[in-house]
């Protein structure tokens, strides 16, 4: 049974290995955190998204938002992804299937060995506020649906500048 994260709920802190050494703790940052889960090295749409994110990293940093890009790929595939995209930010790897499910992600099996060699997460984007709560969430079951990064940036600015509440919390 899949878990769904609710807007406003505590983001389940999750530690993943980080390219270059150390770890990234998803859901725990000095201020706000943008967590983008990508499908893996095999995904051309993920590569395009990472290339679009690359020049925006400083804009997120300027408003106090750290960015973490993460997948279930092993280290060598995550490194190949970075080598191909030129992405220079924090990249986590080896996200487990159990962690994918805890984060409410859809998990897919590869269509063939040529695609990849393991189950992988479909795209997810989380904005975690300074209290560690899910401020914004977008989870997809297919590679084709992803939030516009400029819209995400502007949305975070608006929320922070105006004290806009977490939406979607009606019980």
C-alpha atoms as a PDB file:
ATOM      1  CA  UNK A   1       0.000   0.000   0.000  1.00  0.00           C
ATOM      2  CA  UNK A   2       1.405   3.382  -1.002  1.00  0.00           C
ATOM      3  CA  UNK A   3       1.949   6.111   1.534  1.00  0.00           C
ATOM      4  CA  UNK A   4       0.846   9.630   0.663  1.00  0.00           C
ATOM      5  CA  UNK A   5       2.509  12.631   2.239  1.00  0.00           C
ATOM      6  CA  UNK A   6       0.041  15.297   3.274  1.00  0.00           C
ATOM      7  CA  UNK A   7       0.645  18.980   2.761  1.00  0.00           C
ATOM      8  CA  UNK A   8       1.749  20.432   6.087  1.00  0.00           C
ATOM      9  CA  UNK A   9       2.921  17.089   7.465  1.00  0.00           C
ATOM     10  CA  UNK A  10       6.444  16.538   8.740  1.00  0.00           C
ATOM     11  CA  UNK A  11       8.676  15.477   5.872  1.00  0.00           C
ATOM     12  CA  UNK A  12      10.152  12.069   6.727  1.00  0.00           C
ATOM     13  CA  UNK A  13      13.847  12.803   7.152  1.00  0.00           C
ATOM     14  CA  UNK A  14      15.758  10.475   4.900  1.00  0.00           C
ATOM     15  CA  UNK A  15      19.512  10.153   4.613  1.00  0.00           C
ATOM     16  CA  UNK A  16      21.080   9.300   1.256  1.00  0.00           C
ATOM     17  CA  UNK A  17      24.656   9.004   0.073  1.00  0.00           C
ATOM     18  CA  UNK A  18      25.997  12.091  -1.691  1.00  0.00           C
ATOM     19  CA  UNK A  19      28.177  12.157  -4.769  1.00  0.00           C
ATOM     20  CA  UNK A  20      31.605  13.370  -3.750  1.00  0.00           C
ATOM     21  CA  UNK A  21      31.272  11.896  -0.265  1.00  0.00           C
ATOM     22  CA  UNK A  22      29.138  12.321   2.800  1.00  0.00           C
ATOM     23  CA  UNK A  23      25.380  12.282   2.936  1.00  0.00           C
ATOM     24  CA  UNK A  24      22.370  14.470   2.265  1.00  0.00           C
ATOM     25  CA  UNK A  25      19.577  14.530   4.803  1.00  0.00           C
ATOM     26  CA  UNK A  26      16.349  15.061   2.926  1.00  0.00           C
ATOM     27  CA  UNK A  27      13.888  17.073   4.979  1.00  0.00           C
ATOM     28  CA  UNK A  28      16.544  18.721   7.094  1.00  0.00           C
ATOM     29  CA  UNK A  29      18.253  21.958   6.077  1.00  0.00           C
ATOM     30  CA  UNK A  30      19.416  25.234   7.579  1.00  0.00           C
ATOM     31  CA  UNK A  31      16.395  26.962   6.057  1.00  0.00           C
ATOM     32  CA  UNK A  32      14.113  25.664   3.283  1.00  0.00           C
ATOM     33  CA  UNK A  33      14.897  22.715   1.029  1.00  0.00           C
ATOM     34  CA  UNK A  34      13.871  21.823  -2.500  1.00  0.00           C
ATOM     35  CA  UNK A  35      14.069  18.069  -3.053  1.00  0.00           C
ATOM     36  CA  UNK A  36      13.788  16.782  -6.594  1.00  0.00           C
ATOM     37  CA  UNK A  37      13.596  13.040  -7.122  1.00  0.00           C
ATOM     38  CA  UNK A  38      14.583  12.038 -10.646  1.00  0.00           C
ATOM     39  CA  UNK A  39      14.005   8.684 -12.316  1.00  0.00           C
ATOM     40  CA  UNK A  40      17.637   7.883 -13.003  1.00  0.00           C
ATOM     41  CA  UNK A  41      20.475   8.064 -15.470  1.00  0.00           C
ATOM     42  CA  UNK A  42      18.353   6.321 -18.115  1.00  0.00           C
ATOM     43  CA  UNK A  43      15.807   9.184 -18.312  1.00  0.00           C
ATOM     44  CA  UNK A  44      16.321  11.844 -21.018  1.00  0.00           C
ATOM     45  CA  UNK A  45      13.579  14.057 -19.535  1.00  0.00           C
ATOM     46  CA  UNK A  46      15.368  13.989 -16.149  1.00  0.00           C
ATOM     47  CA  UNK A  47      18.571  15.094 -17.860  1.00  0.00           C
ATOM     48  CA  UNK A  48      16.765  18.014 -19.487  1.00  0.00           C
ATOM     49  CA  UNK A  49      15.233  18.974 -16.110  1.00  0.00           C
ATOM     50  CA  UNK A  50      18.650  18.880 -14.390  1.00  0.00           C
ATOM     51  CA  UNK A  51      20.124  21.061 -17.137  1.00  0.00           C
ATOM     52  CA  UNK A  52      17.299  23.572 -16.587  1.00  0.00           C
ATOM     53  CA  UNK A  53      17.886  23.476 -12.819  1.00  0.00           C
ATOM     54  CA  UNK A  54      21.643  24.029 -13.074  1.00  0.00           C
ATOM     55  CA  UNK A  55      21.591  27.801 -13.785  1.00  0.00           C
ATOM     56  CA  UNK A  56      18.777  28.326 -11.250  1.00  0.00           C
ATOM     57  CA  UNK A  57      20.661  26.947  -8.231  1.00  0.00           C
ATOM     58  CA  UNK A  58      21.983  30.367  -7.255  1.00  0.00           C
ATOM     59  CA  UNK A  59      18.475  31.847  -7.438  1.00  0.00           C
ATOM     60  CA  UNK A  60      17.226  29.234  -4.971  1.00  0.00           C
ATOM     61  CA  UNK A  61      20.270  29.805  -2.745  1.00  0.00           C
ATOM     62  CA  UNK A  62      19.631  33.572  -2.815  1.00  0.00           C
ATOM     63  CA  UNK A  63      16.237  33.020  -1.151  1.00  0.00           C
ATOM     64  CA  UNK A  64      17.566  30.518   1.406  1.00  0.00           C
ATOM     65  CA  UNK A  65      16.537  27.308  -0.339  1.00  0.00           C
ATOM     66  CA  UNK A  66      19.017  24.447  -0.594  1.00  0.00           C
ATOM     67  CA  UNK A  67      18.506  22.049  -3.485  1.00  0.00           C
ATOM     68  CA  UNK A  68      18.939  18.274  -3.430  1.00  0.00           C
ATOM     69  CA  UNK A  69      18.619  16.115  -6.535  1.00  0.00           C
ATOM     70  CA  UNK A  70      18.235  12.418  -5.702  1.00  0.00           C
ATOM     71  CA  UNK A  71      17.523   9.049  -7.298  1.00  0.00           C
ATOM     72  CA  UNK A  72      17.660   5.344  -6.625  1.00  0.00           C
ATOM     73  CA  UNK A  73      20.581   4.965  -9.013  1.00  0.00           C
ATOM     74  CA  UNK A  74      23.812   3.511  -7.666  1.00  0.00           C
ATOM     75  CA  UNK A  75      26.818   5.815  -7.394  1.00  0.00           C
ATOM     76  CA  UNK A  76      28.264   5.057 -10.842  1.00  0.00           C
ATOM     77  CA  UNK A  77      24.966   5.831 -12.614  1.00  0.00           C
ATOM     78  CA  UNK A  78      24.448   9.003 -10.577  1.00  0.00           C
ATOM     79  CA  UNK A  79      27.955  10.098 -11.546  1.00  0.00           C
ATOM     80  CA  UNK A  80      27.256   9.343 -15.220  1.00  0.00           C
ATOM     81  CA  UNK A  81      24.087  11.471 -14.926  1.00  0.00           C
ATOM     82  CA  UNK A  82      26.110  14.391 -13.529  1.00  0.00           C
ATOM     83  CA  UNK A  83      28.850  13.954 -16.130  1.00  0.00           C
ATOM     84  CA  UNK A  84      26.279  14.082 -18.925  1.00  0.00           C
ATOM     85  CA  UNK A  85      24.174  16.966 -17.580  1.00  0.00           C
ATOM     86  CA  UNK A  86      26.891  19.142 -16.066  1.00  0.00           C
ATOM     87  CA  UNK A  87      24.810  19.488 -12.909  1.00  0.00           C
ATOM     88  CA  UNK A  88      26.994  20.872 -10.099  1.00  0.00           C
ATOM     89  CA  UNK A  89      24.653  20.827  -7.090  1.00  0.00           C
ATOM     90  CA  UNK A  90      24.145  18.209  -4.389  1.00  0.00           C
ATOM     91  CA  UNK A  91      23.198  14.824  -5.854  1.00  0.00           C
ATOM     92  CA  UNK A  92      22.066  11.935  -3.697  1.00  0.00           C
ATOM     93  CA  UNK A  93      21.978   8.331  -4.799  1.00  0.00           C
ATOM     94  CA  UNK A  94      20.898   4.864  -3.636  1.00  0.00           C
ATOM     95  CA  UNK A  95      17.444   5.991  -2.498  1.00  0.00           C
ATOM     96  CA  UNK A  96      15.905   2.682  -1.436  1.00  0.00           C
ATOM     97  CA  UNK A  97      12.537   1.388  -2.590  1.00  0.00           C
ATOM     98  CA  UNK A  98      11.333   1.557   1.022  1.00  0.00           C
ATOM     99  CA  UNK A  99      12.381   5.235   1.165  1.00  0.00           C
ATOM    100  CA  UNK A 100      10.686   5.906  -2.174  1.00  0.00           C
ATOM    101  CA  UNK A 101       7.480   4.469  -0.762  1.00  0.00           C
ATOM    102  CA  UNK A 102       7.822   6.430   2.487  1.00  0.00           C
ATOM    103  CA  UNK A 103       8.111   9.609   0.411  1.00  0.00           C
ATOM    104  CA  UNK A 104       4.895   8.699  -1.408  1.00  0.00           C
ATOM    105  CA  UNK A 105       6.638   8.231  -4.751  1.00  0.00           C
ATOM    106  CA  UNK A 106       5.392   5.979  -7.508  1.00  0.00           C
ATOM    107  CA  UNK A 107       7.869   3.176  -8.209  1.00  0.00           C
ATOM    108  CA  UNK A 108       8.184   1.633 -11.665  1.00  0.00           C
ATOM    109  CA  UNK A 109       9.824  -1.490 -12.981  1.00  0.00           C
ATOM    110  CA  UNK A 110      12.098  -1.149 -16.011  1.00  0.00           C
ATOM    111  CA  UNK A 111      10.511  -1.905 -19.367  1.00  0.00           C
ATOM    112  CA  UNK A 112      13.656  -3.720 -20.468  1.00  0.00           C
ATOM    113  CA  UNK A 113      17.268  -4.289 -19.385  1.00  0.00           C
ATOM    114  CA  UNK A 114      18.247  -1.588 -21.875  1.00  0.00           C
ATOM    115  CA  UNK A 115      16.241   0.985 -19.899  1.00  0.00           C
ATOM    116  CA  UNK A 116      17.745   0.185 -16.492  1.00  0.00           C
ATOM    117  CA  UNK A 117      18.409  -2.753 -14.216  1.00  0.00           C
ATOM    118  CA  UNK A 118      16.280  -1.986 -11.156  1.00  0.00           C
ATOM    119  CA  UNK A 119      12.958  -0.497 -10.010  1.00  0.00           C
ATOM    120  CA  UNK A 120      13.090   3.305  -9.887  1.00  0.00           C
ATOM    121  CA  UNK A 121      11.103   6.250  -8.557  1.00  0.00           C
ATOM    122  CA  UNK A 122       8.983   8.345 -10.855  1.00  0.00           C
ATOM    123  CA  UNK A 123       9.495  12.121 -10.475  1.00  0.00           C
ATOM    124  CA  UNK A 124       8.737  13.915  -7.251  1.00  0.00           C
ATOM    125  CA  UNK A 125       9.294  17.473  -6.085  1.00  0.00           C
ATOM    126  CA  UNK A 126       9.029  18.597  -2.473  1.00  0.00           C
ATOM    127  CA  UNK A 127       9.450  22.003  -0.906  1.00  0.00           C
ATOM    128  CA  UNK A 128      10.214  21.550   2.779  1.00  0.00           C
ATOM    129  CA  UNK A 129       9.932  24.646   4.964  1.00  0.00           C
ATOM    130  CA  UNK A 130      12.235  25.665   7.831  1.00  0.00           C
ATOM    131  CA  UNK A 131      10.029  23.725  10.287  1.00  0.00           C
ATOM    132  CA  UNK A 132      10.634  20.502   8.330  1.00  0.00           C
ATOM    133  CA  UNK A 133       7.075  20.381   7.002  1.00  0.00           C
ATOM    134  CA  UNK A 134       5.863  19.746   3.465  1.00  0.00           C
ATOM    135  CA  UNK A 135       5.070  23.214   2.134  1.00  0.00           C
ATOM    136  CA  UNK A 136       4.539  22.090  -1.482  1.00  0.00           C
ATOM    137  CA  UNK A 137       4.445  18.686  -3.104  1.00  0.00           C
ATOM    138  CA  UNK A 138       4.208  17.339  -6.637  1.00  0.00           C
ATOM    139  CA  UNK A 139       4.436  13.597  -7.275  1.00  0.00           C
ATOM    140  CA  UNK A 140       3.925  12.025 -10.699  1.00  0.00           C
ATOM    141  CA  UNK A 141       3.463   8.481 -11.922  1.00  0.00           C
ATOM    142  CA  UNK A 142       5.039   9.256 -15.305  1.00  0.00           C
ATOM    143  CA  UNK A 143       8.141  11.085 -16.534  1.00  0.00           C
ATOM    144  CA  UNK A 144       6.198  13.678 -18.502  1.00  0.00           C
ATOM    145  CA  UNK A 145       4.642  15.701 -15.657  1.00  0.00           C
ATOM    146  CA  UNK A 146       7.008  18.068 -13.836  1.00  0.00           C
ATOM    147  CA  UNK A 147       6.553  21.497 -12.273  1.00  0.00           C
ATOM    148  CA  UNK A 148       8.035  24.486 -14.061  1.00  0.00           C
ATOM    149  CA  UNK A 149      11.139  25.409 -12.066  1.00  0.00           C
ATOM    150  CA  UNK A 150      10.691  29.148 -12.539  1.00  0.00           C
ATOM    151  CA  UNK A 151       7.144  28.770 -11.201  1.00  0.00           C
ATOM    152  CA  UNK A 152       8.445  26.826  -8.201  1.00  0.00           C
ATOM    153  CA  UNK A 153      11.023  29.533  -7.479  1.00  0.00           C
ATOM    154  CA  UNK A 154       8.455  32.325  -7.763  1.00  0.00           C
ATOM    155  CA  UNK A 155       5.972  30.359  -5.678  1.00  0.00           C
ATOM    156  CA  UNK A 156       8.479  29.908  -2.859  1.00  0.00           C
ATOM    157  CA  UNK A 157       9.327  33.616  -2.961  1.00  0.00           C
ATOM    158  CA  UNK A 158       5.615  34.498  -2.756  1.00  0.00           C
ATOM    159  CA  UNK A 159       4.946  32.083   0.104  1.00  0.00           C
ATOM    160  CA  UNK A 160       7.893  33.368   2.105  1.00  0.00           C
ATOM    161  CA  UNK A 161       7.348  37.085   1.375  1.00  0.00           C
ATOM    162  CA  UNK A 162       3.608  37.026   2.089  1.00  0.00           C
ATOM    163  CA  UNK A 163       3.481  34.445   4.862  1.00  0.00           C
ATOM    164  CA  UNK A 164       1.195  32.430   2.587  1.00  0.00           C
ATOM    165  CA  UNK A 165      -0.122  29.334   4.377  1.00  0.00           C
ATOM    166  CA  UNK A 166       0.378  25.730   3.394  1.00  0.00           C
ATOM    167  CA  UNK A 167      -2.444  24.941   0.983  1.00  0.00           C
ATOM    168  CA  UNK A 168      -4.428  21.709   0.595  1.00  0.00           C
ATOM    169  CA  UNK A 169      -4.854  20.977   4.266  1.00  0.00           C
ATOM    170  CA  UNK A 170      -8.666  20.867   4.517  1.00  0.00           C
ATOM    171  CA  UNK A 171      -9.662  17.778   6.491  1.00  0.00           C
END
